[in-house]
Amino acid sequence: MSRLTKLDRMTPEEKLIETSRFWSSPMNAYFPPETIALVFNVSLSWLQLKRCTGSGIQFTKVGSRKIRYQKEDALEFFDQKKIQNTTMYSGL
């Protein structure tokens, strides 16, 4: 049996509240990886891989273990990933 992530343990209502909190927050607000994963429909492991390779969203490390993303940086990152057609797609 696999270990449940924080996202797996959240109810649909909690996910909706967290997503709404993101969109209603100012551009300089910071969010944990779980919120970014929910809002942009990516996995926590994808975010972690991108942090490790340096090809992901800019982030801030709080203490020795807490990662935070600024709303503005997340929006900018995913906005740069827009494509015009499927032949241009090479993965995020």
PDB file of N, CA and C in Angstrom:
ATOM      1  N   MET A   1       0.845  -1.183   0.000  1.00  0.00           N
ATOM      2  CA  MET A   1       0.000   0.000   0.000  1.00  0.00           C
ATOM      3  C   MET A   1       0.888   1.243   0.000  1.00  0.00           C
ATOM      4  N   SER A   2       0.570   2.189  -0.887  1.00  0.00           N
ATOM      5  CA  SER A   2       1.387   3.399  -0.982  1.00  0.00           C
ATOM      6  C   SER A   2       0.976   4.426   0.067  1.00  0.00           C
ATOM      7  N   ARG A   3       1.902   5.282   0.375  1.00  0.00           N
ATOM      8  CA  ARG A   3       1.693   6.324   1.369  1.00  0.00           C
ATOM      9  C   ARG A   3       0.882   7.469   0.761  1.00  0.00           C
ATOM     10  N   LEU A   4      -0.110   7.962   1.493  1.00  0.00           N
ATOM     11  CA  LEU A   4      -0.945   9.051   1.003  1.00  0.00           C
ATOM     12  C   LEU A   4      -0.227  10.391   1.163  1.00  0.00           C
ATOM     13  N   THR A   5      -0.343  11.233   0.152  1.00  0.00           N
ATOM     14  CA  THR A   5       0.226  12.573   0.238  1.00  0.00           C
ATOM     15  C   THR A   5      -0.784  13.486   0.928  1.00  0.00           C
ATOM     16  N   LYS A   6      -0.358  14.698   1.236  1.00  0.00           N
ATOM     17  CA  LYS A   6      -1.270  15.681   1.821  1.00  0.00           C
ATOM     18  C   LYS A   6      -2.440  15.928   0.889  1.00  0.00           C
ATOM     19  N   LEU A   7      -2.192  15.917  -0.401  1.00  0.00           N
ATOM     20  CA  LEU A   7      -3.268  16.122  -1.369  1.00  0.00           C
ATOM     21  C   LEU A   7      -4.282  14.986  -1.334  1.00  0.00           C
ATOM     22  N   ASP A   8      -3.793  13.756  -1.189  1.00  0.00           N
ATOM     23  CA  ASP A   8      -4.680  12.600  -1.134  1.00  0.00           C
ATOM     24  C   ASP A   8      -5.588  12.636   0.096  1.00  0.00           C
ATOM     25  N   ARG A   9      -5.102  13.242   1.159  1.00  0.00           N
ATOM     26  CA  ARG A   9      -5.875  13.295   2.403  1.00  0.00           C
ATOM     27  C   ARG A   9      -6.872  14.452   2.454  1.00  0.00           C
ATOM     28  N   MET A  10      -6.785  15.359   1.504  1.00  0.00           N
ATOM     29  CA  MET A  10      -7.695  16.507   1.481  1.00  0.00           C
ATOM     30  C   MET A  10      -9.046  16.116   0.888  1.00  0.00           C
ATOM     31  N   THR A  11     -10.112  16.677   1.454  1.00  0.00           N
ATOM     32  CA  THR A  11     -11.448  16.462   0.896  1.00  0.00           C
ATOM     33  C   THR A  11     -11.628  17.369  -0.319  1.00  0.00           C
ATOM     34  N   PRO A  12     -12.599  17.071  -1.171  1.00  0.00           N
ATOM     35  CA  PRO A  12     -12.875  17.971  -2.298  1.00  0.00           C
ATOM     36  C   PRO A  12     -13.181  19.409  -1.843  1.00  0.00           C
ATOM     37  N   GLU A  13     -13.843  19.552  -0.733  1.00  0.00           N
ATOM     38  CA  GLU A  13     -14.154  20.882  -0.201  1.00  0.00           C
ATOM     39  C   GLU A  13     -12.893  21.624   0.217  1.00  0.00           C
ATOM     40  N   GLU A  14     -11.974  20.919   0.867  1.00  0.00           N
ATOM     41  CA  GLU A  14     -10.704  21.535   1.268  1.00  0.00           C
ATOM     42  C   GLU A  14      -9.895  21.955   0.045  1.00  0.00           C
ATOM     43  N   LYS A  15      -9.928  21.140  -0.998  1.00  0.00           N
ATOM     44  CA  LYS A  15      -9.208  21.464  -2.230  1.00  0.00           C
ATOM     45  C   LYS A  15      -9.806  22.707  -2.883  1.00  0.00           C
ATOM     46  N   LEU A  16     -11.122  22.801  -2.890  1.00  0.00           N
ATOM     47  CA  LEU A  16     -11.789  23.965  -3.460  1.00  0.00           C
ATOM     48  C   LEU A  16     -11.466  25.230  -2.672  1.00  0.00           C
ATOM     49  N   ILE A  17     -11.471  25.132  -1.363  1.00  0.00           N
ATOM     50  CA  ILE A  17     -11.142  26.277  -0.505  1.00  0.00           C
ATOM     51  C   ILE A  17      -9.708  26.735  -0.751  1.00  0.00           C
ATOM     52  N   GLU A  18      -8.789  25.798  -0.840  1.00  0.00           N
ATOM     53  CA  GLU A  18      -7.378  26.143  -1.051  1.00  0.00           C
ATOM     54  C   GLU A  18      -7.167  26.770  -2.425  1.00  0.00           C
ATOM     55  N   THR A  19      -7.829  26.247  -3.429  1.00  0.00           N
ATOM     56  CA  THR A  19      -7.730  26.814  -4.771  1.00  0.00           C
ATOM     57  C   THR A  19      -8.297  28.229  -4.796  1.00  0.00           C
ATOM     58  N   SER A  20      -9.430  28.426  -4.153  1.00  0.00           N
ATOM     59  CA  SER A  20     -10.045  29.763  -4.078  1.00  0.00           C
ATOM     60  C   SER A  20      -9.146  30.739  -3.329  1.00  0.00           C
ATOM     61  N   ARG A  21      -8.494  30.260  -2.289  1.00  0.00           N
ATOM     62  CA  ARG A  21      -7.581  31.109  -1.514  1.00  0.00           C
ATOM     63  C   ARG A  21      -6.428  31.592  -2.398  1.00  0.00           C
ATOM     64  N   PHE A  22      -5.922  30.700  -3.237  1.00  0.00           N
ATOM     65  CA  PHE A  22      -4.842  31.079  -4.149  1.00  0.00           C
ATOM     66  C   PHE A  22      -5.297  32.211  -5.062  1.00  0.00           C
ATOM     67  N   TRP A  23      -6.428  32.017  -5.731  1.00  0.00           N
ATOM     68  CA  TRP A  23      -6.872  32.998  -6.725  1.00  0.00           C
ATOM     69  C   TRP A  23      -7.274  34.328  -6.105  1.00  0.00           C
ATOM     70  N   SER A  24      -7.715  34.324  -4.863  1.00  0.00           N
ATOM     71  CA  SER A  24      -8.136  35.582  -4.223  1.00  0.00           C
ATOM     72  C   SER A  24      -6.993  36.293  -3.497  1.00  0.00           C
ATOM     73  N   SER A  25      -5.844  35.676  -3.438  1.00  0.00           N
ATOM     74  CA  SER A  25      -4.692  36.261  -2.737  1.00  0.00           C
ATOM     75  C   SER A  25      -3.940  37.246  -3.624  1.00  0.00           C
ATOM     76  N   PRO A  26      -3.200  38.175  -2.992  1.00  0.00           N
ATOM     77  CA  PRO A  26      -2.395  39.118  -3.784  1.00  0.00           C
ATOM     78  C   PRO A  26      -1.250  38.391  -4.494  1.00  0.00           C
ATOM     79  N   MET A  27      -0.695  39.031  -5.498  1.00  0.00           N
ATOM     80  CA  MET A  27       0.370  38.424  -6.306  1.00  0.00           C
ATOM     81  C   MET A  27       1.622  38.099  -5.498  1.00  0.00           C
ATOM     82  N   ASN A  28       1.857  38.800  -4.390  1.00  0.00           N
ATOM     83  CA  ASN A  28       3.068  38.543  -3.608  1.00  0.00           C
ATOM     84  C   ASN A  28       2.861  37.503  -2.502  1.00  0.00           C
ATOM     85  N   ALA A  29       1.705  36.842  -2.480  1.00  0.00           N
ATOM     86  CA  ALA A  29       1.430  35.808  -1.469  1.00  0.00           C
ATOM     87  C   ALA A  29       2.254  34.549  -1.757  1.00  0.00           C
ATOM     88  N   TYR A  30       2.588  33.836  -0.702  1.00  0.00           N
ATOM     89  CA  TYR A  30       3.361  32.588  -0.817  1.00  0.00           C
ATOM     90  C   TYR A  30       2.488  31.393  -0.478  1.00  0.00           C
ATOM     91  N   PHE A  31       2.737  30.263  -1.157  1.00  0.00           N
ATOM     92  CA  PHE A  31       1.932  29.063  -0.987  1.00  0.00           C
ATOM     93  C   PHE A  31       2.808  27.818  -0.941  1.00  0.00           C
ATOM     94  N   PRO A  32       2.335  26.784  -0.233  1.00  0.00           N
ATOM     95  CA  PRO A  32       3.074  25.524  -0.195  1.00  0.00           C
ATOM     96  C   PRO A  32       2.905  24.760  -1.512  1.00  0.00           C
ATOM     97  N   PRO A  33       3.742  23.769  -1.743  1.00  0.00           N
ATOM     98  CA  PRO A  33       3.655  22.986  -2.977  1.00  0.00           C
ATOM     99  C   PRO A  33       2.267  22.368  -3.207  1.00  0.00           C
ATOM    100  N   GLU A  34       1.594  21.974  -2.147  1.00  0.00           N
ATOM    101  CA  GLU A  34       0.271  21.349  -2.291  1.00  0.00           C
ATOM    102  C   GLU A  34      -0.713  22.280  -3.001  1.00  0.00           C
ATOM    103  N   THR A  35      -0.672  23.543  -2.653  1.00  0.00           N
ATOM    104  CA  THR A  35      -1.575  24.513  -3.276  1.00  0.00           C
ATOM    105  C   THR A  35      -1.238  24.684  -4.754  1.00  0.00           C
ATOM    106  N   ILE A  36       0.041  24.799  -5.051  1.00  0.00           N
ATOM    107  CA  ILE A  36       0.467  24.965  -6.443  1.00  0.00           C
ATOM    108  C   ILE A  36       0.069  23.730  -7.265  1.00  0.00           C
ATOM    109  N   ALA A  37       0.241  22.556  -6.699  1.00  0.00           N
ATOM    110  CA  ALA A  37      -0.130  21.319  -7.393  1.00  0.00           C
ATOM    111  C   ALA A  37      -1.630  21.291  -7.686  1.00  0.00           C
ATOM    112  N   LEU A  38      -2.437  21.714  -6.733  1.00  0.00           N
ATOM    113  CA  LEU A  38      -3.885  21.751  -6.943  1.00  0.00           C
ATOM    114  C   LEU A  38      -4.282  22.741  -8.027  1.00  0.00           C
ATOM    115  N   VAL A  39      -3.779  23.942  -7.908  1.00  0.00           N
ATOM    116  CA  VAL A  39      -4.176  25.019  -8.820  1.00  0.00           C
ATOM    117  C   VAL A  39      -3.758  24.728 -10.257  1.00  0.00           C
ATOM    118  N   PHE A  40      -2.570  24.196 -10.440  1.00  0.00           N
ATOM    119  CA  PHE A  40      -2.039  24.001 -11.787  1.00  0.00           C
ATOM    120  C   PHE A  40      -2.099  22.546 -12.264  1.00  0.00           C
ATOM    121  N   ASN A  41      -2.736  21.690 -11.467  1.00  0.00           N
ATOM    122  CA  ASN A  41      -2.955  20.297 -11.837  1.00  0.00           C
ATOM    123  C   ASN A  41      -1.648  19.575 -12.185  1.00  0.00           C
ATOM    124  N   VAL A  42      -0.681  19.704 -11.303  1.00  0.00           N
ATOM    125  CA  VAL A  42       0.582  18.974 -11.419  1.00  0.00           C
ATOM    126  C   VAL A  42       0.781  18.177 -10.138  1.00  0.00           C
ATOM    127  N   SER A  43       1.661  17.221 -10.170  1.00  0.00           N
ATOM    128  CA  SER A  43       1.895  16.393  -8.980  1.00  0.00           C
ATOM    129  C   SER A  43       2.969  17.012  -8.087  1.00  0.00           C
ATOM    130  N   LEU A  44       2.942  16.611  -6.839  1.00  0.00           N
ATOM    131  CA  LEU A  44       3.973  17.058  -5.900  1.00  0.00           C
ATOM    132  C   LEU A  44       5.341  16.548  -6.332  1.00  0.00           C
ATOM    133  N   SER A  45       5.374  15.334  -6.862  1.00  0.00           N
ATOM    134  CA  SER A  45       6.662  14.778  -7.300  1.00  0.00           C
ATOM    135  C   SER A  45       7.204  15.538  -8.512  1.00  0.00           C
ATOM    136  N   TRP A  46       6.326  16.019  -9.382  1.00  0.00           N
ATOM    137  CA  TRP A  46       6.763  16.835 -10.524  1.00  0.00           C
ATOM    138  C   TRP A  46       7.377  18.139 -10.033  1.00  0.00           C
ATOM    139  N   LEU A  47       6.720  18.786  -9.066  1.00  0.00           N
ATOM    140  CA  LEU A  47       7.265  20.023  -8.500  1.00  0.00           C
ATOM    141  C   LEU A  47       8.635  19.773  -7.871  1.00  0.00           C
ATOM    142  N   GLN A  48       8.761  18.659  -7.157  1.00  0.00           N
ATOM    143  CA  GLN A  48      10.031  18.333  -6.510  1.00  0.00           C
ATOM    144  C   GLN A  48      11.125  18.084  -7.550  1.00  0.00           C
ATOM    145  N   LEU A  49      10.798  17.346  -8.586  1.00  0.00           N
ATOM    146  CA  LEU A  49      11.769  17.083  -9.656  1.00  0.00           C
ATOM    147  C   LEU A  49      12.238  18.392 -10.285  1.00  0.00           C
ATOM    148  N   LYS A  50      11.300  19.275 -10.573  1.00  0.00           N
ATOM    149  CA  LYS A  50      11.653  20.556 -11.190  1.00  0.00           C
ATOM    150  C   LYS A  50      12.507  21.413 -10.259  1.00  0.00           C
ATOM    151  N   ARG A  51      12.253  21.349  -8.951  1.00  0.00           N
ATOM    152  CA  ARG A  51      13.107  22.074  -7.993  1.00  0.00           C
ATOM    153  C   ARG A  51      14.525  21.529  -8.024  1.00  0.00           C
ATOM    154  N   CYS A  52      14.639  20.218  -8.063  1.00  0.00           N
ATOM    155  CA  CYS A  52      15.959  19.576  -8.027  1.00  0.00           C
ATOM    156  C   CYS A  52      16.761  19.831  -9.300  1.00  0.00           C
ATOM    157  N   THR A  53      16.090  19.903 -10.442  1.00  0.00           N
ATOM    158  CA  THR A  53      16.786  20.101 -11.704  1.00  0.00           C
ATOM    159  C   THR A  53      16.975  21.577 -12.040  1.00  0.00           C
ATOM    160  N   GLY A  54      16.307  22.452 -11.292  1.00  0.00           N
ATOM    161  CA  GLY A  54      16.424  23.883 -11.541  1.00  0.00           C
ATOM    162  C   GLY A  54      15.600  24.375 -12.709  1.00  0.00           C
ATOM    163  N   SER A  55      14.663  23.569 -13.157  1.00  0.00           N
ATOM    164  CA  SER A  55      13.855  23.944 -14.317  1.00  0.00           C
ATOM    165  C   SER A  55      12.398  24.250 -13.959  1.00  0.00           C
ATOM    166  N   GLY A  56      12.150  24.479 -12.690  1.00  0.00           N
ATOM    167  CA  GLY A  56      10.773  24.716 -12.255  1.00  0.00           C
ATOM    168  C   GLY A  56      10.522  26.143 -11.832  1.00  0.00           C
ATOM    169  N   ILE A  57       9.495  26.309 -11.054  1.00  0.00           N
ATOM    170  CA  ILE A  57       9.091  27.606 -10.531  1.00  0.00           C
ATOM    171  C   ILE A  57      10.114  28.047  -9.490  1.00  0.00           C
ATOM    172  N   GLN A  58      10.442  29.334  -9.497  1.00  0.00           N
ATOM    173  CA  GLN A  58      11.315  29.846  -8.442  1.00  0.00           C
ATOM    174  C   GLN A  58      10.633  29.592  -7.099  1.00  0.00           C
ATOM    175  N   PHE A  59      11.422  29.301  -6.072  1.00  0.00           N
ATOM    176  CA  PHE A  59      10.837  28.995  -4.773  1.00  0.00           C
ATOM    177  C   PHE A  59      11.693  29.563  -3.661  1.00  0.00           C
ATOM    178  N   THR A  60      11.116  29.583  -2.486  1.00  0.00           N
ATOM    179  CA  THR A  60      11.811  30.016  -1.288  1.00  0.00           C
ATOM    180  C   THR A  60      11.817  28.855  -0.312  1.00  0.00           C
ATOM    181  N   LYS A  61      12.918  28.658   0.340  1.00  0.00           N
ATOM    182  CA  LYS A  61      13.006  27.601   1.341  1.00  0.00           C
ATOM    183  C   LYS A  61      12.959  28.265   2.712  1.00  0.00           C
ATOM    184  N   VAL A  62      11.965  27.881   3.501  1.00  0.00           N
ATOM    185  CA  VAL A  62      11.778  28.424   4.840  1.00  0.00           C
ATOM    186  C   VAL A  62      12.259  27.365   5.830  1.00  0.00           C
ATOM    187  N   GLY A  63      13.282  27.700   6.597  1.00  0.00           N
ATOM    188  CA  GLY A  63      13.851  26.692   7.480  1.00  0.00           C
ATOM    189  C   GLY A  63      14.576  25.649   6.654  1.00  0.00           C
ATOM    190  N   SER A  64      14.647  24.454   7.175  1.00  0.00           N
ATOM    191  CA  SER A  64      15.387  23.414   6.458  1.00  0.00           C
ATOM    192  C   SER A  64      14.503  22.542   5.571  1.00  0.00           C
ATOM    193  N   ARG A  65      13.169  22.633   5.721  1.00  0.00           N
ATOM    194  CA  ARG A  65      12.309  21.707   4.985  1.00  0.00           C
ATOM    195  C   ARG A  65      11.122  22.328   4.259  1.00  0.00           C
ATOM    196  N   LYS A  66      10.700  23.513   4.627  1.00  0.00           N
ATOM    197  CA  LYS A  66       9.482  24.083   4.043  1.00  0.00           C
ATOM    198  C   LYS A  66       9.778  24.856   2.766  1.00  0.00           C
ATOM    199  N   ILE A  67       9.047  24.500   1.725  1.00  0.00           N
ATOM    200  CA  ILE A  67       9.165  25.149   0.422  1.00  0.00           C
ATOM    201  C   ILE A  67       7.940  26.038   0.243  1.00  0.00           C
ATOM    202  N   ARG A  68       8.153  27.231  -0.294  1.00  0.00           N
ATOM    203  CA  ARG A  68       7.050  28.146  -0.588  1.00  0.00           C
ATOM    204  C   ARG A  68       7.256  28.739  -1.978  1.00  0.00           C
ATOM    205  N   TYR A  69       6.147  28.864  -2.709  1.00  0.00           N
ATOM    206  CA  TYR A  69       6.148  29.470  -4.033  1.00  0.00           C
ATOM    207  C   TYR A  69       5.350  30.765  -3.984  1.00  0.00           C
ATOM    208  N   GLN A  70       5.836  31.786  -4.656  1.00  0.00           N
ATOM    209  CA  GLN A  70       5.099  33.044  -4.733  1.00  0.00           C
ATOM    210  C   GLN A  70       4.110  32.940  -5.900  1.00  0.00           C
ATOM    211  N   LYS A  71       2.901  33.415  -5.677  1.00  0.00           N
ATOM    212  CA  LYS A  71       1.837  33.343  -6.689  1.00  0.00           C
ATOM    213  C   LYS A  71       2.310  33.913  -8.024  1.00  0.00           C
ATOM    214  N   GLU A  72       2.927  35.071  -7.981  1.00  0.00           N
ATOM    215  CA  GLU A  72       3.388  35.731  -9.203  1.00  0.00           C
ATOM    216  C   GLU A  72       4.349  34.840  -9.992  1.00  0.00           C
ATOM    217  N   ASP A  73       5.277  34.177  -9.295  1.00  0.00           N
ATOM    218  CA  ASP A  73       6.247  33.308  -9.965  1.00  0.00           C
ATOM    219  C   ASP A  73       5.568  32.094 -10.592  1.00  0.00           C
ATOM    220  N   ALA A  74       4.591  31.519  -9.893  1.00  0.00           N
ATOM    221  CA  ALA A  74       3.878  30.356 -10.421  1.00  0.00           C
ATOM    222  C   ALA A  74       3.095  30.727 -11.680  1.00  0.00           C
ATOM    223  N   LEU A  75       2.392  31.844 -11.632  1.00  0.00           N
ATOM    224  CA  LEU A  75       1.624  32.280 -12.799  1.00  0.00           C
ATOM    225  C   LEU A  75       2.537  32.561 -13.990  1.00  0.00           C
ATOM    226  N   GLU A  76       3.656  33.198 -13.727  1.00  0.00           N
ATOM    227  CA  GLU A  76       4.610  33.505 -14.795  1.00  0.00           C
ATOM    228  C   GLU A  76       5.185  32.222 -15.397  1.00  0.00           C
ATOM    229  N   PHE A  77       5.537  31.270 -14.554  1.00  0.00           N
ATOM    230  CA  PHE A  77       6.113  30.012 -15.028  1.00  0.00           C
ATOM    231  C   PHE A  77       5.147  29.301 -15.971  1.00  0.00           C
ATOM    232  N   PHE A  78       3.900  29.138 -15.550  1.00  0.00           N
ATOM    233  CA  PHE A  78       2.949  28.409 -16.377  1.00  0.00           C
ATOM    234  C   PHE A  78       2.496  29.221 -17.585  1.00  0.00           C
ATOM    235  N   ASP A  79       2.518  30.529 -17.497  1.00  0.00           N
ATOM    236  CA  ASP A  79       2.186  31.369 -18.644  1.00  0.00           C
ATOM    237  C   ASP A  79       3.225  31.190 -19.749  1.00  0.00           C
ATOM    238  N   GLN A  80       4.492  30.996 -19.378  1.00  0.00           N
ATOM    239  CA  GLN A  80       5.562  30.790 -20.358  1.00  0.00           C
ATOM    240  C   GLN A  80       5.450  29.440 -21.057  1.00  0.00           C
ATOM    241  N   LYS A  81       4.650  28.546 -20.522  1.00  0.00           N
ATOM    242  CA  LYS A  81       4.516  27.197 -21.081  1.00  0.00           C
ATOM    243  C   LYS A  81       3.396  27.091 -22.108  1.00  0.00           C
ATOM    244  N   LYS A  82       2.784  28.218 -22.473  1.00  0.00           N
ATOM    245  CA  LYS A  82       1.715  28.191 -23.465  1.00  0.00           C
ATOM    246  C   LYS A  82       2.263  27.750 -24.818  1.00  0.00           C
ATOM    247  N   ILE A  83       1.452  26.974 -25.532  1.00  0.00           N
ATOM    248  CA  ILE A  83       1.839  26.527 -26.871  1.00  0.00           C
ATOM    249  C   ILE A  83       0.699  26.817 -27.838  1.00  0.00           C
ATOM    250  N   GLN A  84       1.003  26.858 -29.123  1.00  0.00           N
ATOM    251  CA  GLN A  84      -0.008  27.174 -30.124  1.00  0.00           C
ATOM    252  C   GLN A  84      -0.637  25.931 -30.736  1.00  0.00           C
ATOM    253  N   ASN A  85       0.103  24.833 -30.768  1.00  0.00           N
ATOM    254  CA  ASN A  85      -0.461  23.595 -31.298  1.00  0.00           C
ATOM    255  C   ASN A  85       0.281  22.404 -30.711  1.00  0.00           C
ATOM    256  N   THR A  86      -0.261  21.221 -30.898  1.00  0.00           N
ATOM    257  CA  THR A  86       0.307  20.037 -30.258  1.00  0.00           C
ATOM    258  C   THR A  86       1.658  19.630 -30.821  1.00  0.00           C
ATOM    259  N   THR A  87       2.012  20.053 -32.009  1.00  0.00           N
ATOM    260  CA  THR A  87       3.328  19.706 -32.565  1.00  0.00           C
ATOM    261  C   THR A  87       4.435  20.444 -31.830  1.00  0.00           C
ATOM    262  N   MET A  88       4.080  21.538 -31.137  1.00  0.00           N
ATOM    263  CA  MET A  88       5.071  22.310 -30.375  1.00  0.00           C
ATOM    264  C   MET A  88       5.317  21.710 -29.001  1.00  0.00           C
ATOM    265  N   TYR A  89       4.470  20.781 -28.565  1.00  0.00           N
ATOM    266  CA  TYR A  89       4.540  20.261 -27.208  1.00  0.00           C
ATOM    267  C   TYR A  89       5.725  19.325 -27.036  1.00  0.00           C
ATOM    268  N   SER A  90       6.542  19.626 -26.030  1.00  0.00           N
ATOM    269  CA  SER A  90       7.662  18.726 -25.702  1.00  0.00           C
ATOM    270  C   SER A  90       7.658  18.392 -24.224  1.00  0.00           C
ATOM    271  N   GLY A  91       6.535  18.626 -23.552  1.00  0.00           N
ATOM    272  CA  GLY A  91       6.417  18.354 -22.118  1.00  0.00           C
ATOM    273  C   GLY A  91       6.750  19.595 -21.333  1.00  0.00           C
ATOM    274  N   LEU A  92       6.229  19.644 -20.102  1.00  0.00           N
ATOM    275  CA  LEU A  92       6.522  20.781 -19.224  1.00  0.00           C
ATOM    276  C   LEU A  92       7.858  20.527 -18.593  1.00  0.00           C
TER     277      LEU A  92
END
